[in-house]
Amino acid sequence: MASGPSLPLPPEAFPLRELSDPLLVDPGPRLLRAVAEAYREAAPALVDPTVADLADLAGEESAGGGESEEGDHTPPDDRPTLRVLAGESAVDAATAGFRSASRIAALLDASAVDLRVLDAPQPNAVLAGAESGFALIEGDRGGASDGGKFRWHRVGDDASLRGRYGSRFAEAEPYRLRTPSRRRVYEGFASRCDGAVAAAVLRALDVPDDSSVDETAGPSPEETRIRAYAVGAREAVLDRTLRRACEDAGLGSPSTFTRVKRLLREAGLVETEPVPQPVGRPRTRLVARGALAAAEGPEETVAAVRGVAD
């Protein structure tokens, strides 16, 4: 998009590039998700890449072709770094599922967003640049023409807002997001296993979570780990290799996935078998059992492991 990321402010979307050094203060979960969506619309291959996007990028990099500006062709000036000072509870709510959290993770990885922790709530959300700033008041949901997005209204025009909150941002602690981006997940599994396993993991993570209040948010962190490990078992990956791949992908430590394997074994869905080795330490391969062994495709794989963590 030539206009870059824009927030849904009536009467028309507001391009962030119109603010110099933009700073967003105390956004609620909906506004944080709107920010991620704005960047996703402007640079989809960066924020929410498809499996095909990631496979193509991996092929280009292995061929020595490098990559374009953060994986897409949006001009840098149209994608400003947005500094965000937000309450931890708001960020936690906005990143409760893999899909929503991975988008923000991609923005952090690319330095498109600098997210820090706000120490106290403010009267209203604020969006401020070096020369101007204003409060944001949440309005109602838009119509079908704009996808039913929630909209925010601008209130006031105060050039001092950037200076008022800039020092607080400089002193704030970075928010430590535990969920990885889709690209990191793909690369973690592709490097330890192969591209087919990496693609299968992402397709399983894309299956809507029926137990979630907001299905668009994606699976919870625990469900994400279980799905990823289940896919590895379906693909008969070596146990140690899979746990290292999960760690490289940013989904948790090897010990975390030792626990996940135990849950799947207790549910009768996974077993291990020894792999003969002429020398060195013994290795074991994962074997899918029961409903997981019979599963065909990501939807059935997810259905087979649903409820394992309960």
C-alpha atoms as a PDB file:
ATOM      1  CA  MET A   1       0.000   0.000   0.000  1.00  0.00           C
ATOM      2  CA  ALA A   2       1.392   3.352  -0.969  1.00  0.00           C
ATOM      3  CA  SER A   3      -0.134   5.095   1.996  1.00  0.00           C
ATOM      4  CA  GLY A   4       1.488   2.862   4.600  1.00  0.00           C
ATOM      5  CA  PRO A   5      -0.198   1.893   7.902  1.00  0.00           C
ATOM      6  CA  SER A   6      -3.295   3.930   8.753  1.00  0.00           C
ATOM      7  CA  LEU A   7      -5.507   3.899  11.835  1.00  0.00           C
ATOM      8  CA  PRO A   8      -9.312   3.837  11.471  1.00  0.00           C
ATOM      9  CA  LEU A   9     -10.142   7.425  12.468  1.00  0.00           C
ATOM     10  CA  PRO A  10     -13.268   8.941  10.891  1.00  0.00           C
ATOM     11  CA  PRO A  11     -14.023  10.556   8.553  1.00  0.00           C
ATOM     12  CA  GLU A  12     -11.137   8.679   6.871  1.00  0.00           C
ATOM     13  CA  ALA A  13      -8.183   6.531   7.849  1.00  0.00           C
ATOM     14  CA  PHE A  14      -5.270   8.436   9.389  1.00  0.00           C
ATOM     15  CA  PRO A  15      -1.818   7.565   7.940  1.00  0.00           C
ATOM     16  CA  LEU A  16       0.808   7.270  10.661  1.00  0.00           C
ATOM     17  CA  ARG A  17       3.345   8.839   8.302  1.00  0.00           C
ATOM     18  CA  GLU A  18       1.590  12.166   8.869  1.00  0.00           C
ATOM     19  CA  LEU A  19       3.145  12.230  12.355  1.00  0.00           C
ATOM     20  CA  SER A  20       6.857  12.682  12.872  1.00  0.00           C
ATOM     21  CA  ASP A  21       8.245  10.130  15.372  1.00  0.00           C
ATOM     22  CA  PRO A  22       4.774   8.839  16.380  1.00  0.00           C
ATOM     23  CA  LEU A  23       4.079   7.711  19.948  1.00  0.00           C
ATOM     24  CA  LEU A  24       0.941   5.849  21.022  1.00  0.00           C
ATOM     25  CA  VAL A  25       0.142   5.973  24.744  1.00  0.00           C
ATOM     26  CA  ASP A  26      -2.172   3.677  26.750  1.00  0.00           C
ATOM     27  CA  PRO A  27      -3.962   1.877  23.927  1.00  0.00           C
ATOM     28  CA  GLY A  28      -6.493  -0.743  24.931  1.00  0.00           C
ATOM     29  CA  PRO A  29      -6.434  -4.262  23.435  1.00  0.00           C
ATOM     30  CA  ARG A  30      -8.678  -3.285  20.508  1.00  0.00           C
ATOM     31  CA  LEU A  31      -6.467  -0.368  19.549  1.00  0.00           C
ATOM     32  CA  LEU A  32      -3.329  -2.515  19.791  1.00  0.00           C
ATOM     33  CA  ARG A  33      -4.914  -5.069  17.488  1.00  0.00           C
ATOM     34  CA  ALA A  34      -5.935  -2.233  15.153  1.00  0.00           C
ATOM     35  CA  VAL A  35      -2.291  -1.119  15.007  1.00  0.00           C
ATOM     36  CA  ALA A  36      -1.176  -4.642  14.078  1.00  0.00           C
ATOM     37  CA  GLU A  37      -3.920  -4.825  11.459  1.00  0.00           C
ATOM     38  CA  ALA A  38      -2.882  -1.454  10.010  1.00  0.00           C
ATOM     39  CA  TYR A  39       0.689  -2.657   9.528  1.00  0.00           C
ATOM     40  CA  ARG A  40      -0.570  -6.018   8.232  1.00  0.00           C
ATOM     41  CA  GLU A  41      -2.623  -4.297   5.548  1.00  0.00           C
ATOM     42  CA  ALA A  42       0.381  -2.184   4.564  1.00  0.00           C
ATOM     43  CA  ALA A  43       2.941  -5.010   4.675  1.00  0.00           C
ATOM     44  CA  PRO A  44       1.250  -8.445   4.808  1.00  0.00           C
ATOM     45  CA  ALA A  45       4.402 -10.409   3.978  1.00  0.00           C
ATOM     46  CA  LEU A  46       6.106  -8.843   6.988  1.00  0.00           C
ATOM     47  CA  VAL A  47       3.354  -9.029   9.597  1.00  0.00           C
ATOM     48  CA  ASP A  48       1.324 -12.108   8.653  1.00  0.00           C
ATOM     49  CA  PRO A  49       3.197 -14.068   5.983  1.00  0.00           C
ATOM     50  CA  THR A  50       1.574 -17.107   4.438  1.00  0.00           C
ATOM     51  CA  VAL A  51       3.312 -20.464   4.297  1.00  0.00           C
ATOM     52  CA  ALA A  52       4.000 -19.795   0.610  1.00  0.00           C
ATOM     53  CA  ASP A  53       5.538 -16.398   1.453  1.00  0.00           C
ATOM     54  CA  LEU A  54       7.897 -18.004   3.947  1.00  0.00           C
ATOM     55  CA  ALA A  55       8.826 -20.874   1.658  1.00  0.00           C
ATOM     56  CA  ASP A  56       9.582 -18.447  -1.185  1.00  0.00           C
ATOM     57  CA  LEU A  57      11.667 -16.259   1.116  1.00  0.00           C
ATOM     58  CA  ALA A  58      13.601 -19.267   2.395  1.00  0.00           C
ATOM     59  CA  GLY A  59      14.288 -20.287  -1.198  1.00  0.00           C
ATOM     60  CA  GLU A  60      15.534 -16.816  -2.095  1.00  0.00           C
ATOM     61  CA  GLU A  61      17.830 -16.699   0.913  1.00  0.00           C
ATOM     62  CA  SER A  62      19.245 -20.174   0.264  1.00  0.00           C
ATOM     63  CA  ALA A  63      19.924 -19.107  -3.321  1.00  0.00           C
ATOM     64  CA  GLY A  64      21.823 -16.074  -2.057  1.00  0.00           C
ATOM     65  CA  GLY A  65      19.316 -13.578  -3.348  1.00  0.00           C
ATOM     66  CA  GLY A  66      18.744 -11.887   0.015  1.00  0.00           C
ATOM     67  CA  GLU A  67      15.427 -10.224   0.657  1.00  0.00           C
ATOM     68  CA  SER A  68      13.655  -6.978  -0.011  1.00  0.00           C
ATOM     69  CA  GLU A  69      12.878  -4.380   2.617  1.00  0.00           C
ATOM     70  CA  GLU A  70      11.591  -6.538   5.509  1.00  0.00           C
ATOM     71  CA  GLY A  71      10.143  -9.036   3.036  1.00  0.00           C
ATOM     72  CA  ASP A  72       7.909  -6.653   1.089  1.00  0.00           C
ATOM     73  CA  HIS A  73       8.085  -3.555  -1.109  1.00  0.00           C
ATOM     74  CA  THR A  74       6.545  -0.927   1.136  1.00  0.00           C
ATOM     75  CA  PRO A  75       8.772   2.191   1.138  1.00  0.00           C
ATOM     76  CA  PRO A  76      10.507   2.685   4.534  1.00  0.00           C
ATOM     77  CA  ASP A  77       9.120   6.232   4.878  1.00  0.00           C
ATOM     78  CA  ASP A  78       5.581   4.857   4.672  1.00  0.00           C
ATOM     79  CA  ARG A  79       6.175   2.413   7.510  1.00  0.00           C
ATOM     80  CA  PRO A  80       7.354   4.531  10.453  1.00  0.00           C
ATOM     81  CA  THR A  81       8.551   3.051  13.709  1.00  0.00           C
ATOM     82  CA  LEU A  82       5.666   3.450  16.112  1.00  0.00           C
ATOM     83  CA  ARG A  83       6.625   3.806  19.759  1.00  0.00           C
ATOM     84  CA  VAL A  84       3.951   2.308  21.997  1.00  0.00           C
ATOM     85  CA  LEU A  85       3.642   2.829  25.748  1.00  0.00           C
ATOM     86  CA  ALA A  86       1.001   0.367  26.939  1.00  0.00           C
ATOM     87  CA  GLY A  87      -0.248  -1.259  30.107  1.00  0.00           C
ATOM     88  CA  GLU A  88       0.779  -4.880  30.579  1.00  0.00           C
ATOM     89  CA  SER A  89      -2.816  -6.061  30.965  1.00  0.00           C
ATOM     90  CA  ALA A  90      -3.789  -4.453  27.654  1.00  0.00           C
ATOM     91  CA  VAL A  91      -0.872  -6.071  25.825  1.00  0.00           C
ATOM     92  CA  ASP A  92      -1.575  -9.428  27.461  1.00  0.00           C
ATOM     93  CA  ALA A  93      -5.187  -9.259  26.281  1.00  0.00           C
ATOM     94  CA  ALA A  94      -4.205  -8.194  22.766  1.00  0.00           C
ATOM     95  CA  THR A  95      -1.671 -11.036  22.458  1.00  0.00           C
ATOM     96  CA  ALA A  96      -3.618 -13.846  24.137  1.00  0.00           C
ATOM     97  CA  GLY A  97      -3.588 -16.104  21.061  1.00  0.00           C
ATOM     98  CA  PHE A  98      -0.858 -17.106  18.628  1.00  0.00           C
ATOM     99  CA  ARG A  99      -2.324 -15.364  15.595  1.00  0.00           C
ATOM    100  CA  SER A 100      -2.706 -11.959  17.219  1.00  0.00           C
ATOM    101  CA  ALA A 101       0.533 -12.205  19.214  1.00  0.00           C
ATOM    102  CA  SER A 102       2.653 -13.360  16.261  1.00  0.00           C
ATOM    103  CA  ARG A 103       1.665 -10.253  14.301  1.00  0.00           C
ATOM    104  CA  ILE A 104       2.925  -7.964  17.038  1.00  0.00           C
ATOM    105  CA  ALA A 105       6.025 -10.149  17.408  1.00  0.00           C
ATOM    106  CA  ALA A 106       6.761  -9.606  13.707  1.00  0.00           C
ATOM    107  CA  LEU A 107       6.499  -5.847  14.179  1.00  0.00           C
ATOM    108  CA  LEU A 108       8.890  -5.983  17.136  1.00  0.00           C
ATOM    109  CA  ASP A 109      11.356  -8.159  15.211  1.00  0.00           C
ATOM    110  CA  ALA A 110      11.357  -5.659  12.331  1.00  0.00           C
ATOM    111  CA  SER A 111      11.607  -2.635  14.664  1.00  0.00           C
ATOM    112  CA  ALA A 112       8.366  -1.341  13.143  1.00  0.00           C
ATOM    113  CA  VAL A 113       6.997  -1.103  16.698  1.00  0.00           C
ATOM    114  CA  ASP A 114       8.908  -0.351  19.896  1.00  0.00           C
ATOM    115  CA  LEU A 115       6.681  -1.603  22.721  1.00  0.00           C
ATOM    116  CA  ARG A 116       7.263  -0.548  26.337  1.00  0.00           C
ATOM    117  CA  VAL A 117       5.373  -0.901  29.607  1.00  0.00           C
ATOM    118  CA  LEU A 118       3.231   1.967  30.889  1.00  0.00           C
ATOM    119  CA  ASP A 119       3.398   2.351  34.668  1.00  0.00           C
ATOM    120  CA  ALA A 120      -0.068   3.867  35.214  1.00  0.00           C
ATOM    121  CA  PRO A 121      -3.316   4.214  33.210  1.00  0.00           C
ATOM    122  CA  GLN A 122      -4.028   7.516  31.474  1.00  0.00           C
ATOM    123  CA  PRO A 123      -7.396   9.303  31.051  1.00  0.00           C
ATOM    124  CA  ASN A 124      -7.427   8.462  27.334  1.00  0.00           C
ATOM    125  CA  ALA A 125      -5.266   6.893  24.696  1.00  0.00           C
ATOM    126  CA  VAL A 126      -2.962   9.432  23.036  1.00  0.00           C
ATOM    127  CA  LEU A 127      -1.332   9.527  19.617  1.00  0.00           C
ATOM    128  CA  ALA A 128       1.372  12.161  19.354  1.00  0.00           C
ATOM    129  CA  GLY A 129       4.061  13.277  16.930  1.00  0.00           C
ATOM    130  CA  ALA A 130       6.847  15.813  17.216  1.00  0.00           C
ATOM    131  CA  GLU A 131       4.618  18.692  16.083  1.00  0.00           C
ATOM    132  CA  SER A 132       1.084  17.629  17.068  1.00  0.00           C
ATOM    133  CA  GLY A 133      -0.891  15.182  19.150  1.00  0.00           C
ATOM    134  CA  PHE A 134      -4.401  14.269  20.186  1.00  0.00           C
ATOM    135  CA  ALA A 135      -6.462  12.004  22.407  1.00  0.00           C
ATOM    136  CA  LEU A 136      -8.206   8.955  20.930  1.00  0.00           C
ATOM    137  CA  ILE A 137     -11.742   8.079  22.003  1.00  0.00           C
ATOM    138  CA  GLU A 138     -13.122   4.727  20.915  1.00  0.00           C
ATOM    139  CA  GLY A 139     -16.244   4.947  18.798  1.00  0.00           C
ATOM    140  CA  ASP A 140     -18.536   2.239  17.518  1.00  0.00           C
ATOM    141  CA  ARG A 141     -17.994  -0.454  14.935  1.00  0.00           C
ATOM    142  CA  GLY A 142     -17.948   0.599  11.300  1.00  0.00           C
ATOM    143  CA  GLY A 143     -20.006  -0.820   8.472  1.00  0.00           C
ATOM    144  CA  ALA A 144     -19.442  -3.595   5.985  1.00  0.00           C
ATOM    145  CA  SER A 145     -17.548  -1.259   3.649  1.00  0.00           C
ATOM    146  CA  ASP A 146     -14.599  -1.084   6.060  1.00  0.00           C
ATOM    147  CA  GLY A 147     -14.825  -4.622   7.376  1.00  0.00           C
ATOM    148  CA  GLY A 148     -16.729  -3.722  10.531  1.00  0.00           C
ATOM    149  CA  LYS A 149     -13.633  -2.281  12.211  1.00  0.00           C
ATOM    150  CA  PHE A 150     -13.878  -0.344  15.446  1.00  0.00           C
ATOM    151  CA  ARG A 151     -13.072   3.337  14.953  1.00  0.00           C
ATOM    152  CA  TRP A 152     -11.451   5.978  17.136  1.00  0.00           C
ATOM    153  CA  HIS A 153     -12.162   9.718  17.187  1.00  0.00           C
ATOM    154  CA  ARG A 154      -9.516  12.440  17.438  1.00  0.00           C
ATOM    155  CA  VAL A 155      -9.968  14.916  20.277  1.00  0.00           C
ATOM    156  CA  GLY A 156      -7.931  18.126  20.576  1.00  0.00           C
ATOM    157  CA  ASP A 157      -4.570  19.103  19.139  1.00  0.00           C
ATOM    158  CA  ASP A 158      -1.767  19.467  21.661  1.00  0.00           C
ATOM    159  CA  ALA A 159       1.843  19.706  20.466  1.00  0.00           C
ATOM    160  CA  SER A 160       3.112  19.248  24.042  1.00  0.00           C
ATOM    161  CA  LEU A 161       1.884  15.650  24.274  1.00  0.00           C
ATOM    162  CA  ARG A 162       4.973  14.191  22.577  1.00  0.00           C
ATOM    163  CA  GLY A 163       7.306  15.880  25.020  1.00  0.00           C
ATOM    164  CA  ARG A 164       5.102  15.019  27.988  1.00  0.00           C
ATOM    165  CA  TYR A 165       5.122  11.300  27.271  1.00  0.00           C
ATOM    166  CA  GLY A 166       8.454  11.027  25.470  1.00  0.00           C
ATOM    167  CA  SER A 167      10.489  11.018  28.665  1.00  0.00           C
ATOM    168  CA  ARG A 168       8.231   8.393  30.229  1.00  0.00           C
ATOM    169  CA  PHE A 169       8.691   6.212  27.179  1.00  0.00           C
ATOM    170  CA  ALA A 170      12.478   6.575  27.347  1.00  0.00           C
ATOM    171  CA  GLU A 171      12.470   5.420  30.978  1.00  0.00           C
ATOM    172  CA  ALA A 172      10.000   2.542  30.494  1.00  0.00           C
ATOM    173  CA  GLU A 173      10.932  -1.131  30.347  1.00  0.00           C
ATOM    174  CA  PRO A 174      10.499  -3.040  27.076  1.00  0.00           C
ATOM    175  CA  TYR A 175       7.578  -5.462  26.983  1.00  0.00           C
ATOM    176  CA  ARG A 176       8.861  -9.037  26.728  1.00  0.00           C
ATOM    177  CA  LEU A 177       6.545 -10.833  24.328  1.00  0.00           C
ATOM    178  CA  ARG A 178       6.847 -14.607  24.715  1.00  0.00           C
ATOM    179  CA  THR A 179       5.108 -15.516  21.452  1.00  0.00           C
ATOM    180  CA  PRO A 180       7.289 -15.675  18.313  1.00  0.00           C
ATOM    181  CA  SER A 181       6.477 -14.350  14.870  1.00  0.00           C
ATOM    182  CA  ARG A 182       5.321 -16.708  12.124  1.00  0.00           C
ATOM    183  CA  ARG A 183       8.648 -16.256  10.395  1.00  0.00           C
ATOM    184  CA  ARG A 184      10.600 -17.346  13.474  1.00  0.00           C
ATOM    185  CA  VAL A 185       8.390 -20.419  13.872  1.00  0.00           C
ATOM    186  CA  TYR A 186       8.884 -21.382  10.235  1.00  0.00           C
ATOM    187  CA  GLU A 187      12.641 -20.856  10.348  1.00  0.00           C
ATOM    188  CA  GLY A 188      13.019 -22.783  13.610  1.00  0.00           C
ATOM    189  CA  PHE A 189      11.343 -25.903  12.235  1.00  0.00           C
ATOM    190  CA  ALA A 190      12.769 -25.573   8.739  1.00  0.00           C
ATOM    191  CA  SER A 191      16.356 -25.416  10.012  1.00  0.00           C
ATOM    192  CA  ARG A 192      16.067 -28.361  12.430  1.00  0.00           C
ATOM    193  CA  CYS A 193      13.619 -30.490  10.432  1.00  0.00           C
ATOM    194  CA  ASP A 194      12.647 -29.282   6.945  1.00  0.00           C
ATOM    195  CA  GLY A 195      10.306 -26.916   5.143  1.00  0.00           C
ATOM    196  CA  ALA A 196       7.501 -29.484   4.964  1.00  0.00           C
ATOM    197  CA  VAL A 197       7.434 -29.852   8.760  1.00  0.00           C
ATOM    198  CA  ALA A 198       7.623 -26.071   9.203  1.00  0.00           C
ATOM    199  CA  ALA A 199       4.681 -25.589   6.833  1.00  0.00           C
ATOM    200  CA  ALA A 200       2.647 -28.292   8.595  1.00  0.00           C
ATOM    201  CA  VAL A 201       3.232 -26.642  11.980  1.00  0.00           C
ATOM    202  CA  LEU A 202       2.014 -23.246  10.766  1.00  0.00           C
ATOM    203  CA  ARG A 203      -1.042 -24.756   9.090  1.00  0.00           C
ATOM    204  CA  ALA A 204      -1.952 -26.445  12.363  1.00  0.00           C
ATOM    205  CA  LEU A 205      -1.514 -23.161  14.251  1.00  0.00           C
ATOM    206  CA  ASP A 206      -3.817 -21.459  11.733  1.00  0.00           C
ATOM    207  CA  VAL A 207      -6.756 -23.730  12.583  1.00  0.00           C
ATOM    208  CA  PRO A 208      -9.310 -21.686  14.602  1.00  0.00           C
ATOM    209  CA  ASP A 209      -9.481 -22.485  18.307  1.00  0.00           C
ATOM    210  CA  ASP A 210     -13.086 -23.483  19.073  1.00  0.00           C
ATOM    211  CA  SER A 211     -12.544 -22.945  22.802  1.00  0.00           C
ATOM    212  CA  SER A 212     -11.449 -19.323  22.382  1.00  0.00           C
ATOM    213  CA  VAL A 213     -13.791 -16.408  22.963  1.00  0.00           C
ATOM    214  CA  ASP A 214     -12.173 -14.731  19.959  1.00  0.00           C
ATOM    215  CA  GLU A 215     -11.373 -17.384  17.358  1.00  0.00           C
ATOM    216  CA  THR A 216      -9.397 -14.854  15.303  1.00  0.00           C
ATOM    217  CA  ALA A 217      -6.832 -14.594  18.122  1.00  0.00           C
ATOM    218  CA  GLY A 218      -5.587 -18.140  17.519  1.00  0.00           C
ATOM    219  CA  PRO A 219      -4.620 -20.907  19.955  1.00  0.00           C
ATOM    220  CA  SER A 220      -3.374 -20.192  23.470  1.00  0.00           C
ATOM    221  CA  PRO A 221       0.354 -20.591  24.229  1.00  0.00           C
ATOM    222  CA  GLU A 222      -0.186 -24.078  25.704  1.00  0.00           C
ATOM    223  CA  GLU A 223      -2.361 -25.165  22.784  1.00  0.00           C
ATOM    224  CA  THR A 224       0.249 -23.762  20.400  1.00  0.00           C
ATOM    225  CA  ARG A 225       2.961 -25.935  21.942  1.00  0.00           C
ATOM    226  CA  ILE A 226       0.791 -29.040  21.873  1.00  0.00           C
ATOM    227  CA  ARG A 227      -0.147 -28.535  18.224  1.00  0.00           C
ATOM    228  CA  ALA A 228       3.458 -27.962  17.182  1.00  0.00           C
ATOM    229  CA  TYR A 229       4.702 -31.068  18.988  1.00  0.00           C
ATOM    230  CA  ALA A 230       1.818 -33.162  17.648  1.00  0.00           C
ATOM    231  CA  VAL A 231       2.737 -32.184  14.088  1.00  0.00           C
ATOM    232  CA  GLY A 232       6.325 -33.260  14.751  1.00  0.00           C
ATOM    233  CA  ALA A 233       5.069 -36.622  15.991  1.00  0.00           C
ATOM    234  CA  ARG A 234       2.884 -36.989  12.890  1.00  0.00           C
ATOM    235  CA  GLU A 235       6.005 -36.332  10.802  1.00  0.00           C
ATOM    236  CA  ALA A 236       8.029 -38.924  12.812  1.00  0.00           C
ATOM    237  CA  VAL A 237      10.709 -36.423  13.821  1.00  0.00           C
ATOM    238  CA  LEU A 238      13.449 -37.446  16.250  1.00  0.00           C
ATOM    239  CA  ASP A 239      12.403 -36.474  19.775  1.00  0.00           C
ATOM    240  CA  ARG A 240      15.516 -34.437  20.564  1.00  0.00           C
ATOM    241  CA  THR A 241      15.437 -32.734  17.166  1.00  0.00           C
ATOM    242  CA  LEU A 242      11.809 -31.729  17.646  1.00  0.00           C
ATOM    243  CA  ARG A 243      12.407 -30.276  21.112  1.00  0.00           C
ATOM    244  CA  ARG A 244      15.344 -28.265  19.767  1.00  0.00           C
ATOM    245  CA  ALA A 245      13.222 -27.070  16.831  1.00  0.00           C
ATOM    246  CA  CYS A 246      10.506 -25.922  19.225  1.00  0.00           C
ATOM    247  CA  GLU A 247      13.139 -24.012  21.197  1.00  0.00           C
ATOM    248  CA  ASP A 248      14.609 -22.398  18.060  1.00  0.00           C
ATOM    249  CA  ALA A 249      11.082 -21.419  17.016  1.00  0.00           C
ATOM    250  CA  GLY A 250      10.616 -19.535  20.290  1.00  0.00           C
ATOM    251  CA  LEU A 251       7.814 -21.763  21.581  1.00  0.00           C
ATOM    252  CA  GLY A 252       9.506 -22.883  24.796  1.00  0.00           C
ATOM    253  CA  SER A 253      12.465 -24.701  26.308  1.00  0.00           C
ATOM    254  CA  PRO A 254      13.264 -28.394  25.689  1.00  0.00           C
ATOM    255  CA  SER A 255      12.070 -29.172  29.224  1.00  0.00           C
ATOM    256  CA  THR A 256       8.728 -27.534  28.411  1.00  0.00           C
ATOM    257  CA  PHE A 257       8.309 -29.937  25.520  1.00  0.00           C
ATOM    258  CA  THR A 258       9.307 -32.897  27.649  1.00  0.00           C
ATOM    259  CA  ARG A 259       6.141 -32.066  29.615  1.00  0.00           C
ATOM    260  CA  VAL A 260       4.135 -31.676  26.401  1.00  0.00           C
ATOM    261  CA  LYS A 261       5.326 -35.098  25.250  1.00  0.00           C
ATOM    262  CA  ARG A 262       4.207 -36.583  28.574  1.00  0.00           C
ATOM    263  CA  LEU A 263       0.728 -35.099  28.124  1.00  0.00           C
ATOM    264  CA  LEU A 264       0.422 -36.571  24.650  1.00  0.00           C
ATOM    265  CA  ARG A 265       1.717 -39.944  25.798  1.00  0.00           C
ATOM    266  CA  GLU A 266      -0.757 -40.050  28.677  1.00  0.00           C
ATOM    267  CA  ALA A 267      -3.513 -39.282  26.172  1.00  0.00           C
ATOM    268  CA  GLY A 268      -2.445 -42.253  24.056  1.00  0.00           C
ATOM    269  CA  LEU A 269      -1.489 -40.066  21.102  1.00  0.00           C
ATOM    270  CA  VAL A 270       2.316 -40.328  21.026  1.00  0.00           C
ATOM    271  CA  GLU A 271       4.930 -43.009  21.653  1.00  0.00           C
ATOM    272  CA  THR A 272       8.637 -43.229  20.967  1.00  0.00           C
ATOM    273  CA  GLU A 273      10.700 -45.910  19.291  1.00  0.00           C
ATOM    274  CA  PRO A 274      14.489 -46.347  19.367  1.00  0.00           C
ATOM    275  CA  VAL A 275      16.520 -45.463  16.296  1.00  0.00           C
ATOM    276  CA  PRO A 276      19.554 -47.737  15.791  1.00  0.00           C
ATOM    277  CA  GLN A 277      22.844 -45.869  16.018  1.00  0.00           C
ATOM    278  CA  PRO A 278      26.224 -47.414  15.214  1.00  0.00           C
ATOM    279  CA  VAL A 279      27.925 -45.082  17.681  1.00  0.00           C
ATOM    280  CA  GLY A 280      26.963 -42.291  20.063  1.00  0.00           C
ATOM    281  CA  ARG A 281      24.024 -41.800  22.366  1.00  0.00           C
ATOM    282  CA  PRO A 282      20.763 -43.620  21.619  1.00  0.00           C
ATOM    283  CA  ARG A 283      18.054 -41.683  19.821  1.00  0.00           C
ATOM    284  CA  THR A 284      14.298 -42.036  19.783  1.00  0.00           C
ATOM    285  CA  ARG A 285      11.785 -41.220  17.089  1.00  0.00           C
ATOM    286  CA  LEU A 286       8.280 -39.989  17.794  1.00  0.00           C
ATOM    287  CA  VAL A 287       5.385 -42.098  16.586  1.00  0.00           C
ATOM    288  CA  ALA A 288       1.796 -40.873  16.370  1.00  0.00           C
ATOM    289  CA  ARG A 289      -0.875 -43.155  17.825  1.00  0.00           C
ATOM    290  CA  GLY A 290      -4.650 -43.265  18.025  1.00  0.00           C
ATOM    291  CA  ALA A 291      -6.576 -40.324  16.624  1.00  0.00           C
ATOM    292  CA  LEU A 292      -3.355 -38.449  15.888  1.00  0.00           C
ATOM    293  CA  ALA A 293      -2.053 -41.263  13.688  1.00  0.00           C
ATOM    294  CA  ALA A 294      -5.361 -41.355  11.830  1.00  0.00           C
ATOM    295  CA  ALA A 295      -5.540 -37.582  11.347  1.00  0.00           C
ATOM    296  CA  GLU A 296      -5.379 -36.238   7.817  1.00  0.00           C
ATOM    297  CA  GLY A 297      -4.638 -32.568   7.414  1.00  0.00           C
ATOM    298  CA  PRO A 298      -4.280 -29.761   9.972  1.00  0.00           C
ATOM    299  CA  GLU A 299      -7.935 -29.678  11.087  1.00  0.00           C
ATOM    300  CA  GLU A 300      -7.969 -33.363  12.049  1.00  0.00           C
ATOM    301  CA  THR A 301      -4.552 -33.059  13.695  1.00  0.00           C
ATOM    302  CA  VAL A 302      -5.821 -30.218  15.863  1.00  0.00           C
ATOM    303  CA  ALA A 303      -9.049 -32.091  16.654  1.00  0.00           C
ATOM    304  CA  ALA A 304      -7.016 -35.120  17.788  1.00  0.00           C
ATOM    305  CA  VAL A 305      -5.112 -33.138  20.424  1.00  0.00           C
ATOM    306  CA  ARG A 306      -7.861 -30.744  21.494  1.00  0.00           C
ATOM    307  CA  GLY A 307      -8.378 -30.931  25.255  1.00  0.00           C
ATOM    308  CA  VAL A 308      -5.058 -32.644  25.993  1.00  0.00           C
ATOM    309  CA  ALA A 309      -4.008 -29.852  28.338  1.00  0.00           C
ATOM    310  CA  ASP A 310      -7.306 -29.795  30.280  1.00  0.00           C
END
